Amino acid sequence: MADSYVEEAKRKIAHLSYKLEQADEKIRKLEYDNAELQRWVNDTCLPRLQELSDEMVSRYNAKRYRDKNWNELRR
């Protein structure tokens, strides 16, 4: 009877060890994917976002000051 408990415990330990290995593998993959995504955001998205932001500011300022007299604005 005690042997069956020991065997059951060994089986559970083996199963949990397997699940732990799977979880570790998934974590490594997610960490890699996250690093890849972060690199893409930094190299592609942020510079493009800055370009679009600068363009919007430029357009806003062009419309805002289109009919202004620049000599009046310097005062």
Protein backbone atom coordinates (compact mmCIF):
# COMPACT_ATOMS: atom_id res chain seq x y z
CA MET A 1 0.00 0.00 0.00
CA ALA A 2 2.82 2.41 0.87
CA ASP A 3 4.41 1.51 -2.47
CA SER A 4 1.37 2.76 -4.36
CA TYR A 5 1.62 6.14 -2.59
CA VAL A 6 5.30 6.35 -3.46
CA GLU A 7 4.61 5.43 -7.09
CA GLU A 8 1.78 7.97 -7.26
CA ALA A 9 4.06 10.66 -5.79
CA LYS A 10 6.80 9.78 -8.32
CA ARG A 11 4.28 9.95 -11.15
CA LYS A 12 3.02 13.35 -9.99
CA ILE A 13 6.59 14.66 -9.62
CA ALA A 14 7.44 13.48 -13.14
CA HIS A 15 4.28 15.08 -14.52
CA LEU A 16 4.93 18.38 -12.73
CA SER A 17 8.56 18.37 -13.86
CA TYR A 18 7.37 17.95 -17.44
CA LYS A 19 4.86 20.80 -17.04
CA LEU A 20 7.60 22.99 -15.55
CA GLU A 21 9.86 22.33 -18.53
CA GLN A 22 7.03 23.25 -20.90
CA ALA A 23 6.34 26.46 -18.97
CA ASP A 24 10.04 27.39 -19.01
CA GLU A 25 10.10 26.85 -22.78
CA LYS A 26 7.04 29.06 -23.25
CA ILE A 27 8.57 31.77 -21.06
CA ARG A 28 11.80 31.75 -23.10
CA LYS A 29 9.81 32.06 -26.34
CA LEU A 30 7.71 34.91 -24.95
CA GLU A 31 10.82 36.73 -23.72
CA TYR A 32 12.39 36.39 -27.18
CA ASP A 33 9.19 37.57 -28.90
CA ASN A 34 8.93 40.49 -26.48
CA ALA A 35 12.54 41.55 -27.13
CA GLU A 36 11.91 41.32 -30.88
CA LEU A 37 8.76 43.41 -30.57
CA GLN A 38 10.53 45.99 -28.41
CA ARG A 39 13.30 46.28 -30.99
CA TRP A 40 10.71 46.80 -33.74
CA VAL A 41 8.91 49.47 -31.70
CA ASN A 42 12.15 51.33 -31.01
CA ASP A 43 13.52 51.04 -34.56
CA THR A 44 10.33 51.53 -36.56
CA CYS A 45 7.33 52.78 -34.62
CA LEU A 46 8.83 55.49 -32.45
CA PRO A 47 10.77 57.24 -35.24
CA ARG A 48 7.68 57.14 -37.49
CA LEU A 49 5.50 58.43 -34.67
CA GLN A 50 7.94 61.31 -34.18
CA GLU A 51 7.86 62.09 -37.91
CA LEU A 52 4.06 62.16 -37.94
CA SER A 53 3.97 64.29 -34.81
CA ASP A 54 6.42 66.78 -36.29
CA GLU A 55 4.39 66.88 -39.49
CA MET A 56 1.18 67.57 -37.57
CA VAL A 57 2.81 70.36 -35.57
CA SER A 58 4.17 71.85 -38.77
CA ARG A 59 0.75 71.73 -40.46
CA TYR A 60 -0.96 73.17 -37.39
CA ASN A 61 1.50 76.02 -37.21
CA ALA A 62 1.21 76.67 -40.95
CA LYS A 63 -2.58 76.97 -40.69
CA ARG A 64 -2.44 78.94 -37.46
CA TYR A 65 -0.04 81.54 -38.75
CA ARG A 66 -1.00 81.54 -42.46
CA ASP A 67 -2.66 84.94 -42.47
CA LYS A 68 -0.51 86.55 -39.79
CA ASN A 69 1.86 89.38 -40.33
CA TRP A 70 5.28 88.12 -39.20
CA ASN A 71 6.34 91.60 -38.10
CA GLU A 72 3.42 91.66 -35.66
CA LEU A 73 4.37 88.25 -34.25
CA ARG A 74 7.93 89.34 -33.44
CA ARG A 75 6.77 91.89 -30.88
